[in-house]
Protein backbone atom coordinates (compact mmCIF):
# COMPACT_ATOMS: atom_id res chain seq x y z
CA MET A 1 -15.28 26.54 4.05
CA LEU A 2 -19.04 26.38 2.57
CA PRO A 3 -17.79 25.65 -0.88
CA ALA A 4 -15.11 23.19 0.04
CA LEU A 5 -18.17 21.57 2.09
CA LEU A 6 -20.91 21.42 -0.65
CA ALA A 7 -18.34 19.84 -3.07
CA MET A 8 -17.61 17.27 -0.23
CA ALA A 9 -20.96 16.56 -0.01
CA ALA A 10 -21.69 16.20 -3.69
CA PHE A 11 -18.79 14.32 -4.61
CA TYR A 12 -18.19 12.05 -1.80
CA PHE A 13 -20.52 11.88 0.55
CA TYR A 14 -23.39 11.34 -1.30
CA PRO A 15 -21.80 8.57 -3.46
CA VAL A 16 -20.62 6.75 -0.49
CA SER A 17 -24.29 6.99 0.89
CA ARG A 18 -25.61 5.45 -2.34
CA VAL A 19 -23.15 3.04 -2.34
CA LEU A 20 -23.96 2.22 1.70
CA TRP A 21 -27.71 2.38 0.68
CA MET A 22 -27.57 -0.19 -2.57
CA SER A 23 -25.94 -2.47 -0.02
CA VAL A 24 -28.60 -3.08 1.71
CA THR A 25 -31.54 -2.40 -0.69
CA ILE A 26 -30.46 -4.40 -3.58
CA PRO A 27 -31.93 -6.75 -4.70
CA GLU A 28 -34.38 -6.23 -1.72
CA PRO A 29 -34.30 -4.71 1.74
CA GLY A 30 -32.20 -6.30 4.21
CA LEU A 31 -28.76 -7.99 5.06
CA ASP A 32 -28.92 -10.82 2.39
CA ASN A 33 -25.77 -9.26 0.87
CA PHE A 34 -23.72 -9.51 4.12
CA ASP A 35 -25.10 -12.69 4.80
CA LEU A 36 -22.79 -13.63 2.16
CA LEU A 37 -19.64 -13.31 4.03
CA ARG A 38 -20.71 -16.12 6.04
CA LYS A 39 -21.78 -18.28 3.24
CA SER A 40 -19.71 -17.82 0.31
CA HIS A 41 -16.63 -19.34 0.45
CA SER A 42 -14.89 -17.58 -2.61
CA ILE A 43 -15.76 -14.32 -0.99
CA ASN A 44 -14.01 -15.40 2.05
CA ARG A 45 -10.86 -16.44 0.19
CA MET A 46 -10.62 -13.40 -1.84
CA LEU A 47 -10.79 -11.32 1.53
CA LEU A 48 -8.19 -13.34 3.43
CA THR A 49 -6.02 -12.77 0.33
CA THR A 50 -6.36 -9.26 0.14
CA LEU A 51 -5.27 -8.76 4.16
CA ARG A 52 -2.70 -10.89 3.67
CA ILE A 53 -1.25 -9.21 0.01
CA SER A 54 -1.59 -6.27 2.20
CA LEU A 55 0.02 -6.90 5.31
CA ILE A 56 2.91 -8.58 3.56
CA SER A 57 3.12 -5.47 1.02
CA THR A 58 3.07 -2.87 3.83
CA ALA A 59 5.72 -4.68 5.78
CA LEU A 60 8.17 -4.94 2.64
CA THR A 61 7.50 -1.28 1.52
CA LEU A 62 8.08 -0.28 4.93
CA ILE A 63 11.69 -2.02 5.42
CA LEU A 64 12.66 -0.87 1.84
CA GLY A 65 11.10 2.65 2.64
CA TYR A 66 12.85 2.97 5.92
CA ILE A 67 16.44 1.69 3.97
CA VAL A 68 16.14 4.39 1.09
CA ALA A 69 14.72 6.84 3.03
CA TYR A 70 17.98 7.02 5.69
CA VAL A 71 20.23 6.70 2.52
CA ILE A 72 18.54 10.04 1.50
CA THR A 73 18.88 11.57 4.56
CA HIS A 74 22.29 10.81 5.42
CA ALA A 75 23.48 11.31 1.83
CA GLU A 76 25.51 14.32 0.77
CA ASP A 77 23.59 17.45 -0.40
CA HIS A 78 24.04 16.46 -4.19
CA ARG A 79 23.27 13.10 -3.81
CA LYS A 80 20.40 13.68 -1.77
CA ARG A 81 18.97 15.85 -4.41
CA LEU A 82 19.09 13.30 -7.57
CA LEU A 83 17.97 10.21 -5.05
CA PHE A 84 15.56 12.78 -3.78
CA MET A 85 14.58 13.45 -7.70
CA ALA A 86 14.38 9.81 -8.29
CA VAL A 87 11.68 8.73 -5.55
CA LEU A 88 9.37 11.70 -6.74
CA ALA A 89 9.70 10.53 -10.45
CA SER A 90 8.68 7.24 -9.71
CA LEU A 91 5.41 8.58 -7.82
CA TRP A 92 4.69 10.76 -10.81
CA ILE A 93 4.79 7.82 -13.17
CA SER A 94 1.60 6.12 -13.65
CA VAL A 95 0.67 3.08 -11.44
CA LEU A 96 -0.34 1.57 -14.97
CA VAL A 97 2.61 2.34 -16.69
CA ARG A 98 4.98 0.93 -13.84
CA ALA A 99 2.48 -2.40 -13.92
CA PHE A 100 3.42 -3.03 -17.37
CA ALA A 101 6.85 -2.56 -17.13
CA TRP A 102 7.00 -5.44 -14.45
CA PHE A 103 5.16 -7.38 -16.99
CA THR A 104 7.82 -7.24 -19.40
CA LEU A 105 10.32 -8.00 -16.66
CA LEU A 106 8.53 -10.98 -14.99
CA ARG A 107 7.21 -12.58 -17.52
CA SER A 108 8.67 -16.15 -18.90
CA ASP A 109 10.36 -14.44 -21.70
CA GLY A 110 11.04 -11.50 -20.11
CA LEU A 111 14.33 -9.42 -19.36
CA ILE A 112 14.84 -11.33 -15.97
CA ASN A 113 14.28 -14.62 -16.94
CA GLN A 114 16.18 -14.39 -20.06
CA MET A 115 19.49 -12.93 -18.56
CA LEU A 116 19.60 -15.73 -15.92
CA MET A 117 19.14 -18.40 -18.44
CA ARG A 118 21.96 -16.64 -20.62
CA LEU A 119 24.25 -16.56 -17.53
CA GLY A 120 23.70 -20.55 -16.54
CA VAL A 121 21.80 -19.88 -13.35
CA ILE A 122 18.61 -21.37 -14.55
CA ASP A 123 17.59 -24.16 -17.19
CA ALA A 124 14.09 -23.21 -17.44
CA PRO A 125 12.09 -19.73 -17.20
CA LEU A 126 10.96 -19.18 -13.20
CA PRO A 127 6.97 -18.76 -12.60
CA MET A 128 7.28 -15.19 -11.96
CA MET A 129 3.98 -13.50 -13.46
CA TRP A 130 0.28 -14.72 -12.53
CA ASN A 131 0.89 -15.14 -9.01
CA GLU A 132 1.21 -13.67 -5.30
CA PHE A 133 5.00 -12.77 -6.04
CA SER A 134 4.27 -10.48 -9.08
CA VAL A 135 1.29 -8.99 -7.18
CA LEU A 136 3.57 -8.38 -3.91
CA VAL A 137 6.67 -6.66 -6.44
CA GLY A 138 4.52 -4.38 -8.21
CA ILE A 139 2.33 -3.00 -4.98
CA VAL A 140 5.53 -2.91 -3.25
CA HIS A 141 7.11 -0.71 -5.92
CA ALA A 142 3.88 1.34 -6.28
CA MET A 143 3.48 1.89 -2.80
CA LEU A 144 7.34 2.98 -2.00
CA PRO A 145 7.39 6.77 -2.61
CA LEU A 146 4.47 6.75 -0.46
CA ALA A 147 6.28 5.41 2.40
CA ILE A 148 9.67 6.97 1.58
CA LEU A 149 8.17 10.55 1.61
CA PRO A 150 6.73 10.50 5.30
CA LEU A 151 9.76 8.30 6.64
CA TYR A 152 12.25 11.04 5.03
CA SER A 153 10.43 14.03 6.36
CA CYS A 154 10.78 12.60 9.92
CA MET A 155 14.22 11.65 9.74
CA GLN A 156 15.17 15.11 8.37
CA SER A 157 13.50 16.63 11.85
CA ILE A 158 15.95 14.59 13.82
CA ASP A 159 18.91 16.52 15.35
CA PRO A 160 21.86 14.97 14.19
CA ARG A 161 23.86 16.18 17.52
CA LEU A 162 21.61 13.42 19.35
CA ILE A 163 23.34 10.44 17.48
CA ALA A 164 26.66 12.52 18.08
CA ALA A 165 26.29 12.63 21.52
CA ALA A 166 25.15 8.82 21.95
CA ARG A 167 28.25 7.85 20.20
CA GLY A 168 30.28 10.40 22.32
CA LEU A 169 28.73 8.36 25.47
CA GLY A 170 29.89 5.47 24.06
CA ALA A 171 27.62 3.61 22.38
CA SER A 172 28.40 2.08 19.37
CA ARG A 173 26.75 2.81 15.92
CA LEU A 174 24.61 -0.08 15.73
CA ARG A 175 23.21 0.81 19.36
CA ALA A 176 22.99 4.53 18.77
CA PHE A 177 20.54 3.72 15.75
CA TRP A 178 18.58 1.38 17.78
CA GLN A 179 17.95 3.35 21.07
CA VAL A 180 17.98 7.06 19.55
CA PHE A 181 17.69 7.21 16.11
CA PHE A 182 15.21 4.34 15.31
CA PRO A 183 12.59 5.62 18.41
CA LEU A 184 12.59 8.95 16.79
CA THR A 185 11.53 7.79 13.68
CA LEU A 186 8.50 5.85 14.86
CA PRO A 187 5.79 8.34 13.85
CA GLY A 188 6.93 8.31 10.55
CA VAL A 189 6.93 4.54 10.57
CA PHE A 190 3.52 4.68 12.01
CA GLY A 191 1.83 7.23 9.64
CA ALA A 192 3.79 5.31 6.63
CA SER A 193 2.61 2.06 7.57
CA ILE A 194 -1.24 3.43 8.12
CA LEU A 195 -0.83 4.61 4.18
CA VAL A 196 0.35 2.04 2.57
CA PHE A 197 -1.63 -0.49 4.00
CA ILE A 198 -4.82 1.47 3.40
CA TYR A 199 -4.01 2.09 -0.05
CA ALA A 200 -2.78 -1.51 -0.62
CA LEU A 201 -6.27 -2.97 0.50
CA GLY A 202 -8.24 -0.98 -2.42
CA PHE A 203 -5.47 -1.55 -4.88
CA TYR A 204 -6.55 -2.82 -8.15
CA VAL A 205 -4.27 -2.10 -11.46
CA THR A 206 -1.32 -3.92 -10.33
CA PRO A 207 -3.14 -7.18 -8.86
CA ALA A 208 -5.67 -7.11 -11.99
CA LEU A 209 -2.37 -7.30 -14.66
CA LEU A 210 0.18 -9.16 -12.68
CA GLY A 211 -2.08 -11.29 -11.07
CA GLY A 212 -3.95 -12.05 -13.78
CA GLY A 213 -7.09 -13.26 -11.86
CA ARG A 214 -5.65 -15.84 -9.98
CA LYS A 215 -4.79 -13.62 -7.09
CA MET A 216 -7.79 -11.77 -6.85
CA MET A 217 -7.98 -9.10 -4.25
CA ILE A 218 -11.32 -7.04 -2.79
CA ALA A 219 -11.20 -4.15 -5.78
CA GLU A 220 -10.89 -6.64 -8.65
CA TYR A 221 -13.48 -8.64 -7.06
CA ILE A 222 -16.01 -5.61 -7.13
CA LYS A 223 -15.53 -4.63 -10.46
CA VAL A 224 -16.38 -8.07 -11.75
CA GLN A 225 -19.44 -8.32 -9.48
CA ILE A 226 -20.69 -4.88 -10.86
CA LEU A 227 -19.59 -4.96 -14.61
CA GLU A 228 -19.54 -8.34 -15.36
CA VAL A 229 -21.77 -10.48 -13.56
CA VAL A 230 -24.24 -7.57 -12.71
CA ASN A 231 -24.39 -8.31 -9.17
CA TRP A 232 -24.71 -4.70 -7.75
CA GLY A 233 -25.62 -6.15 -4.06
CA ALA A 234 -22.82 -7.82 -3.38
CA GLY A 235 -20.52 -5.26 -4.93
CA SER A 236 -21.95 -2.39 -3.12
CA MET A 237 -21.66 -4.49 0.04
CA LEU A 238 -18.11 -5.25 -0.85
CA ALA A 239 -17.07 -1.68 -1.53
CA SER A 240 -19.26 -0.75 2.24
CA LEU A 241 -17.06 -3.34 3.59
CA LEU A 242 -13.92 -1.96 2.86
CA LEU A 243 -14.73 1.66 3.67
CA ILE A 244 -16.14 0.29 7.20
CA PHE A 245 -12.81 -1.64 7.76
CA ILE A 246 -10.59 1.33 6.97
CA ILE A 247 -12.63 3.34 9.21
CA VAL A 248 -12.85 1.14 11.93
CA THR A 249 -8.78 0.86 11.37
CA LEU A 250 -8.39 4.52 11.68
CA ALA A 251 -10.70 4.26 14.92
CA ILE A 252 -8.28 2.10 16.64
CA VAL A 253 -5.26 3.60 15.55
CA SER A 254 -6.56 6.86 16.85
CA ARG A 255 -7.20 5.47 20.03
CA ILE A 256 -3.17 4.38 20.18
CA VAL A 257 -1.80 7.44 18.92
CA ASP A 258 -2.77 11.01 17.53
CA LEU A 259 -3.57 10.94 14.16
CA ARG A 260 -3.11 14.70 13.71
CA LYS A 261 0.34 14.59 15.23
CA LEU A 262 0.97 11.21 13.55
CA PHE A 263 0.51 12.67 9.80
CA GLY A 264 1.78 16.22 10.97
CA ALA A 265 5.22 14.51 11.65
CA ALA A 266 4.85 12.01 8.47
């Protein structure tokens, strides 16, 4: 394991430690950068926006991902292969390409607005770009494969005879699902939710393209601070804050469930 540990130390732990060091030393040693969390209204608003979008996108992704995974699990073999390949194909397509595709669909003269206007549903284009709606659509679409795969893996491991036994004992289809099938998929649900939430917190490309700077999340704000404002102290502080928040989140979750079993089942 020594080569792997050396590679992790050189390409991960050292850069992360440098970011943490800069957050408390630039422009001068101390915690002045972290004091911006108390003083700066724009930073607090950006952090709340990031948390809100991440939570909403995680919830929407889990709902849609659960439905898709359930359909794939119970589809016939040839349809299952086609559906599974469609999920993988979406995962393999670049996030940048997918964001530009939604830009084409959602803008004022995009395909969706044009179709609705031709059908007479609307008289004027709907404002579907440069707002939180477009950011949520892009993030949910990008995160769906990451939710579907662990959920599908968990559902595949469930013995279908358990559902048949519940139905044989008089349970309705809905009751058999809610009391037998759904509890057995909770490891996959927890694993997918953690994975999607952590990814959503640090999303950059989709909010930058579809939000147009009006719904700025933490990754884009860090980029602005470092590359445009050249404020390395504030940028590294926010990067450190994101890292600390993720570590604390995983630590809290690990006290509730065993992460090794959780991601093993997912």
